[in-house]
Amino acid sequence: MSDFIDFADEIAALEQRVSDAVFDAVRAQLRDGANDDARDAERRLARVRRSLQKAEAILRETST
């Protein structure tokens, strides 16, 4: 079961990196006048972040 915790920790680290990328995309939108590419990137990254959060939660539930 500790493997699940290790996986969950790795996913949490990935989620943090994706969160940083989301903020970078939002900053680019603000700086560049909300171009469509930055907006699309922010939406896709936000979906990835939510999926990673769900995966982490499932792994942590599985390990208990």
PDB file of N, CA and C in Angstrom:
ATOM      1  N   MET A   1       0.796  -1.199   0.000  1.00  0.00           N
ATOM      2  CA  MET A   1       0.000   0.000   0.000  1.00  0.00           C
ATOM      3  C   MET A   1       0.843   1.271   0.000  1.00  0.00           C
ATOM      4  N   SER A   2       2.075   1.157   0.466  1.00  0.00           N
ATOM      5  CA  SER A   2       2.922   2.355   0.468  1.00  0.00           C
ATOM      6  C   SER A   2       3.219   2.814  -0.953  1.00  0.00           C
ATOM      7  N   ASP A   3       3.130   1.882  -1.913  1.00  0.00           N
ATOM      8  CA  ASP A   3       3.304   2.275  -3.315  1.00  0.00           C
ATOM      9  C   ASP A   3       2.235   3.290  -3.726  1.00  0.00           C
ATOM     10  N   PHE A   4       0.999   3.094  -3.245  1.00  0.00           N
ATOM     11  CA  PHE A   4      -0.068   4.028  -3.572  1.00  0.00           C
ATOM     12  C   PHE A   4       0.222   5.419  -3.002  1.00  0.00           C
ATOM     13  N   ILE A   5       0.749   5.446  -1.775  1.00  0.00           N
ATOM     14  CA  ILE A   5       1.106   6.731  -1.165  1.00  0.00           C
ATOM     15  C   ILE A   5       2.214   7.391  -1.968  1.00  0.00           C
ATOM     16  N   ASP A   6       3.202   6.601  -2.387  1.00  0.00           N
ATOM     17  CA  ASP A   6       4.292   7.156  -3.198  1.00  0.00           C
ATOM     18  C   ASP A   6       3.760   7.714  -4.513  1.00  0.00           C
ATOM     19  N   PHE A   7       2.864   6.981  -5.152  1.00  0.00           N
ATOM     20  CA  PHE A   7       2.258   7.465  -6.396  1.00  0.00           C
ATOM     21  C   PHE A   7       1.464   8.747  -6.145  1.00  0.00           C
ATOM     22  N   ALA A   8       0.715   8.766  -5.058  1.00  0.00           N
ATOM     23  CA  ALA A   8      -0.076   9.947  -4.726  1.00  0.00           C
ATOM     24  C   ALA A   8       0.832  11.156  -4.498  1.00  0.00           C
ATOM     25  N   ASP A   9       1.959  10.934  -3.835  1.00  0.00           N
ATOM     26  CA  ASP A   9       2.909  12.028  -3.615  1.00  0.00           C
ATOM     27  C   ASP A   9       3.479  12.543  -4.932  1.00  0.00           C
ATOM     28  N   GLU A  10       3.802  11.627  -5.830  1.00  0.00           N
ATOM     29  CA  GLU A  10       4.319  12.023  -7.146  1.00  0.00           C
ATOM     30  C   GLU A  10       3.261  12.802  -7.932  1.00  0.00           C
ATOM     31  N   ILE A  11       2.030  12.353  -7.864  1.00  0.00           N
ATOM     32  CA  ILE A  11       0.942  13.051  -8.554  1.00  0.00           C
ATOM     33  C   ILE A  11       0.727  14.427  -7.950  1.00  0.00           C
ATOM     34  N   ALA A  12       0.846  14.546  -6.633  1.00  0.00           N
ATOM     35  CA  ALA A  12       0.708  15.844  -5.981  1.00  0.00           C
ATOM     36  C   ALA A  12       1.790  16.809  -6.468  1.00  0.00           C
ATOM     37  N   ALA A  13       3.005  16.296  -6.648  1.00  0.00           N
ATOM     38  CA  ALA A  13       4.090  17.138  -7.160  1.00  0.00           C
ATOM     39  C   ALA A  13       3.801  17.569  -8.598  1.00  0.00           C
ATOM     40  N   LEU A  14       3.283  16.659  -9.403  1.00  0.00           N
ATOM     41  CA  LEU A  14       2.896  17.015 -10.776  1.00  0.00           C
ATOM     42  C   LEU A  14       1.780  18.051 -10.780  1.00  0.00           C
ATOM     43  N   GLU A  15       0.826  17.879  -9.886  1.00  0.00           N
ATOM     44  CA  GLU A  15      -0.284  18.825  -9.804  1.00  0.00           C
ATOM     45  C   GLU A  15       0.226  20.222  -9.470  1.00  0.00           C
ATOM     46  N   GLN A  16       1.233  20.297  -8.599  1.00  0.00           N
ATOM     47  CA  GLN A  16       1.797  21.599  -8.258  1.00  0.00           C
ATOM     48  C   GLN A  16       2.473  22.233  -9.468  1.00  0.00           C
ATOM     49  N   ARG A  17       3.180  21.432 -10.247  1.00  0.00           N
ATOM     50  CA  ARG A  17       3.828  21.953 -11.456  1.00  0.00           C
ATOM     51  C   ARG A  17       2.789  22.438 -12.457  1.00  0.00           C
ATOM     52  N   VAL A  18       1.697  21.695 -12.597  1.00  0.00           N
ATOM     53  CA  VAL A  18       0.625  22.109 -13.507  1.00  0.00           C
ATOM     54  C   VAL A  18      -0.034  23.384 -12.992  1.00  0.00           C
ATOM     55  N   SER A  19      -0.227  23.479 -11.682  1.00  0.00           N
ATOM     56  CA  SER A  19      -0.796  24.701 -11.107  1.00  0.00           C
ATOM     57  C   SER A  19       0.073  25.911 -11.434  1.00  0.00           C
ATOM     58  N   ASP A  20       1.376  25.729 -11.323  1.00  0.00           N
ATOM     59  CA  ASP A  20       2.289  26.819 -11.676  1.00  0.00           C
ATOM     60  C   ASP A  20       2.129  27.205 -13.141  1.00  0.00           C
ATOM     61  N   ALA A  21       1.967  26.207 -14.003  1.00  0.00           N
ATOM     62  CA  ALA A  21       1.786  26.474 -15.431  1.00  0.00           C
ATOM     63  C   ALA A  21       0.466  27.198 -15.694  1.00  0.00           C
ATOM     64  N   VAL A  22      -0.572  26.860 -14.925  1.00  0.00           N
ATOM     65  CA  VAL A  22      -1.862  27.557 -15.060  1.00  0.00           C
ATOM     66  C   VAL A  22      -1.673  29.038 -14.735  1.00  0.00           C
ATOM     67  N   PHE A  23      -0.985  29.309 -13.642  1.00  0.00           N
ATOM     68  CA  PHE A  23      -0.760  30.710 -13.270  1.00  0.00           C
ATOM     69  C   PHE A  23       0.083  31.435 -14.316  1.00  0.00           C
ATOM     70  N   ASP A  24       1.046  30.727 -14.899  1.00  0.00           N
ATOM     71  CA  ASP A  24       1.836  31.343 -15.970  1.00  0.00           C
ATOM     72  C   ASP A  24       0.959  31.686 -17.168  1.00  0.00           C
ATOM     73  N   ALA A  25       0.039  30.794 -17.502  1.00  0.00           N
ATOM     74  CA  ALA A  25      -0.869  31.051 -18.628  1.00  0.00           C
ATOM     75  C   ALA A  25      -1.780  32.235 -18.334  1.00  0.00           C
ATOM     76  N   VAL A  26      -2.247  32.325 -17.095  1.00  0.00           N
ATOM     77  CA  VAL A  26      -3.111  33.452 -16.718  1.00  0.00           C
ATOM     78  C   VAL A  26      -2.317  34.754 -16.778  1.00  0.00           C
ATOM     79  N   ARG A  27      -1.083  34.720 -16.284  1.00  0.00           N
ATOM     80  CA  ARG A  27      -0.245  35.921 -16.367  1.00  0.00           C
ATOM     81  C   ARG A  27      -0.038  36.342 -17.811  1.00  0.00           C
ATOM     82  N   ALA A  28       0.161  35.364 -18.694  1.00  0.00           N
ATOM     83  CA  ALA A  28       0.344  35.666 -20.116  1.00  0.00           C
ATOM     84  C   ALA A  28      -0.918  36.305 -20.691  1.00  0.00           C
ATOM     85  N   GLN A  29      -2.082  35.811 -20.254  1.00  0.00           N
ATOM     86  CA  GLN A  29      -3.343  36.406 -20.711  1.00  0.00           C
ATOM     87  C   GLN A  29      -3.427  37.872 -20.310  1.00  0.00           C
ATOM     88  N   LEU A  30      -3.069  38.124 -19.075  1.00  0.00           N
ATOM     89  CA  LEU A  30      -3.140  39.501 -18.578  1.00  0.00           C
ATOM     90  C   LEU A  30      -2.122  40.398 -19.284  1.00  0.00           C
ATOM     91  N   ARG A  31      -0.936  39.878 -19.478  1.00  0.00           N
ATOM     92  CA  ARG A  31       0.128  40.648 -20.102  1.00  0.00           C
ATOM     93  C   ARG A  31      -0.147  40.895 -21.581  1.00  0.00           C
ATOM     94  N   ASP A  32      -0.640  39.891 -22.265  1.00  0.00           N
ATOM     95  CA  ASP A  32      -0.803  39.962 -23.715  1.00  0.00           C
ATOM     96  C   ASP A  32      -2.216  40.325 -24.153  1.00  0.00           C
ATOM     97  N   GLY A  33      -3.059  40.680 -23.238  1.00  0.00           N
ATOM     98  CA  GLY A  33      -4.415  41.061 -23.617  1.00  0.00           C
ATOM     99  C   GLY A  33      -5.331  39.879 -23.839  1.00  0.00           C
ATOM    100  N   ALA A  34      -5.160  38.817 -23.061  1.00  0.00           N
ATOM    101  CA  ALA A  34      -6.052  37.643 -23.096  1.00  0.00           C
ATOM    102  C   ALA A  34      -6.156  37.029 -24.484  1.00  0.00           C
ATOM    103  N   ASN A  35      -5.005  36.658 -25.046  1.00  0.00           N
ATOM    104  CA  ASN A  35      -5.058  36.010 -26.363  1.00  0.00           C
ATOM    105  C   ASN A  35      -5.662  34.610 -26.251  1.00  0.00           C
ATOM    106  N   ASP A  36      -6.175  34.111 -27.358  1.00  0.00           N
ATOM    107  CA  ASP A  36      -6.885  32.824 -27.364  1.00  0.00           C
ATOM    108  C   ASP A  36      -5.968  31.654 -27.013  1.00  0.00           C
ATOM    109  N   ASP A  37      -4.705  31.689 -27.443  1.00  0.00           N
ATOM    110  CA  ASP A  37      -3.789  30.590 -27.141  1.00  0.00           C
ATOM    111  C   ASP A  37      -3.569  30.445 -25.636  1.00  0.00           C
ATOM    112  N   ALA A  38      -3.339  31.552 -24.966  1.00  0.00           N
ATOM    113  CA  ALA A  38      -3.130  31.503 -23.517  1.00  0.00           C
ATOM    114  C   ALA A  38      -4.397  31.051 -22.804  1.00  0.00           C
ATOM    115  N   ARG A  39      -5.534  31.525 -23.258  1.00  0.00           N
ATOM    116  CA  ARG A  39      -6.811  31.136 -22.642  1.00  0.00           C
ATOM    117  C   ARG A  39      -7.044  29.640 -22.817  1.00  0.00           C
ATOM    118  N   ASP A  40      -6.794  29.116 -24.010  1.00  0.00           N
ATOM    119  CA  ASP A  40      -6.961  27.677 -24.251  1.00  0.00           C
ATOM    120  C   ASP A  40      -5.992  26.860 -23.411  1.00  0.00           C
ATOM    121  N   ALA A  41      -4.762  27.317 -23.308  1.00  0.00           N
ATOM    122  CA  ALA A  41      -3.764  26.616 -22.495  1.00  0.00           C
ATOM    123  C   ALA A  41      -4.199  26.589 -21.036  1.00  0.00           C
ATOM    124  N   GLU A  42      -4.704  27.709 -20.546  1.00  0.00           N
ATOM    125  CA  GLU A  42      -5.153  27.769 -19.157  1.00  0.00           C
ATOM    126  C   GLU A  42      -6.296  26.790 -18.916  1.00  0.00           C
ATOM    127  N   ARG A  43      -7.227  26.710 -19.836  1.00  0.00           N
ATOM    128  CA  ARG A  43      -8.363  25.778 -19.684  1.00  0.00           C
ATOM    129  C   ARG A  43      -7.899  24.328 -19.687  1.00  0.00           C
ATOM    130  N   ARG A  44      -7.022  23.985 -20.621  1.00  0.00           N
ATOM    131  CA  ARG A  44      -6.527  22.603 -20.689  1.00  0.00           C
ATOM    132  C   ARG A  44      -5.737  22.247 -19.435  1.00  0.00           C
ATOM    133  N   LEU A  45      -4.881  23.142 -19.004  1.00  0.00           N
ATOM    134  CA  LEU A  45      -4.085  22.880 -17.809  1.00  0.00           C
ATOM    135  C   LEU A  45      -4.956  22.774 -16.567  1.00  0.00           C
ATOM    136  N   ALA A  46      -6.001  23.561 -16.491  1.00  0.00           N
ATOM    137  CA  ALA A  46      -6.921  23.475 -15.357  1.00  0.00           C
ATOM    138  C   ALA A  46      -7.612  22.108 -15.336  1.00  0.00           C
ATOM    139  N   ARG A  47      -7.973  21.592 -16.496  1.00  0.00           N
ATOM    140  CA  ARG A  47      -8.574  20.252 -16.565  1.00  0.00           C
ATOM    141  C   ARG A  47      -7.586  19.194 -16.112  1.00  0.00           C
ATOM    142  N   VAL A  48      -6.338  19.320 -16.554  1.00  0.00           N
ATOM    143  CA  VAL A  48      -5.297  18.374 -16.146  1.00  0.00           C
ATOM    144  C   VAL A  48      -5.122  18.427 -14.633  1.00  0.00           C
ATOM    145  N   ARG A  49      -5.072  19.635 -14.080  1.00  0.00           N
ATOM    146  CA  ARG A  49      -4.889  19.798 -12.636  1.00  0.00           C
ATOM    147  C   ARG A  49      -6.015  19.119 -11.859  1.00  0.00           C
ATOM    148  N   ARG A  50      -7.254  19.323 -12.294  1.00  0.00           N
ATOM    149  CA  ARG A  50      -8.392  18.684 -11.618  1.00  0.00           C
ATOM    150  C   ARG A  50      -8.303  17.166 -11.712  1.00  0.00           C
ATOM    151  N   SER A  51      -7.894  16.655 -12.855  1.00  0.00           N
ATOM    152  CA  SER A  51      -7.755  15.205 -13.013  1.00  0.00           C
ATOM    153  C   SER A  51      -6.670  14.650 -12.095  1.00  0.00           C
ATOM    154  N   LEU A  52      -5.576  15.372 -11.986  1.00  0.00           N
ATOM    155  CA  LEU A  52      -4.500  14.938 -11.090  1.00  0.00           C
ATOM    156  C   LEU A  52      -4.969  14.963  -9.642  1.00  0.00           C
ATOM    157  N   GLN A  53      -5.729  15.971  -9.265  1.00  0.00           N
ATOM    158  CA  GLN A  53      -6.258  16.032  -7.903  1.00  0.00           C
ATOM    159  C   GLN A  53      -7.162  14.837  -7.620  1.00  0.00           C
ATOM    160  N   LYS A  54      -7.992  14.471  -8.571  1.00  0.00           N
ATOM    161  CA  LYS A  54      -8.872  13.312  -8.403  1.00  0.00           C
ATOM    162  C   LYS A  54      -8.064  12.028  -8.279  1.00  0.00           C
ATOM    163  N   ALA A  55      -7.048  11.878  -9.135  1.00  0.00           N
ATOM    164  CA  ALA A  55      -6.208  10.676  -9.088  1.00  0.00           C
ATOM    165  C   ALA A  55      -5.495  10.573  -7.748  1.00  0.00           C
ATOM    166  N   GLU A  56      -4.977  11.687  -7.267  1.00  0.00           N
ATOM    167  CA  GLU A  56      -4.295  11.679  -5.968  1.00  0.00           C
ATOM    168  C   GLU A  56      -5.261  11.252  -4.868  1.00  0.00           C
ATOM    169  N   ALA A  57      -6.448  11.799  -4.868  1.00  0.00           N
ATOM    170  CA  ALA A  57      -7.435  11.458  -3.841  1.00  0.00           C
ATOM    171  C   ALA A  57      -7.784   9.975  -3.890  1.00  0.00           C
ATOM    172  N   ILE A  58      -7.960   9.442  -5.069  1.00  0.00           N
ATOM    173  CA  ILE A  58      -8.304   8.010  -5.201  1.00  0.00           C
ATOM    174  C   ILE A  58      -7.168   7.147  -4.665  1.00  0.00           C
ATOM    175  N   LEU A  59      -5.929   7.495  -5.015  1.00  0.00           N
ATOM    176  CA  LEU A  59      -4.789   6.718  -4.527  1.00  0.00           C
ATOM    177  C   LEU A  59      -4.678   6.786  -3.010  1.00  0.00           C
ATOM    178  N   ARG A  60      -4.908   7.935  -2.447  1.00  0.00           N
ATOM    179  CA  ARG A  60      -4.822   8.064  -0.986  1.00  0.00           C
ATOM    180  C   ARG A  60      -5.946   7.282  -0.301  1.00  0.00           C
ATOM    181  N   GLU A  61      -7.134   7.278  -0.901  1.00  0.00           N
ATOM    182  CA  GLU A  61      -8.238   6.469  -0.338  1.00  0.00           C
ATOM    183  C   GLU A  61      -7.929   4.988  -0.430  1.00  0.00           C
ATOM    184  N   THR A  62      -7.284   4.593  -1.513  1.00  0.00           N
ATOM    185  CA  THR A  62      -6.958   3.187  -1.736  1.00  0.00           C
ATOM    186  C   THR A  62      -5.931   2.694  -0.722  1.00  0.00           C
ATOM    187  N   SER A  63      -5.075   3.585  -0.283  1.00  0.00           N
ATOM    188  CA  SER A  63      -3.992   3.177   0.615  1.00  0.00           C
ATOM    189  C   SER A  63      -4.444   3.016   2.062  1.00  0.00           C
ATOM    190  N   THR A  64      -5.674   3.407   2.377  1.00  0.00           N
ATOM    191  CA  THR A  64      -6.132   3.297   3.769  1.00  0.00           C
ATOM    192  C   THR A  64      -6.820   2.002   4.037  1.00  0.00           C
TER     193      THR A  64
END
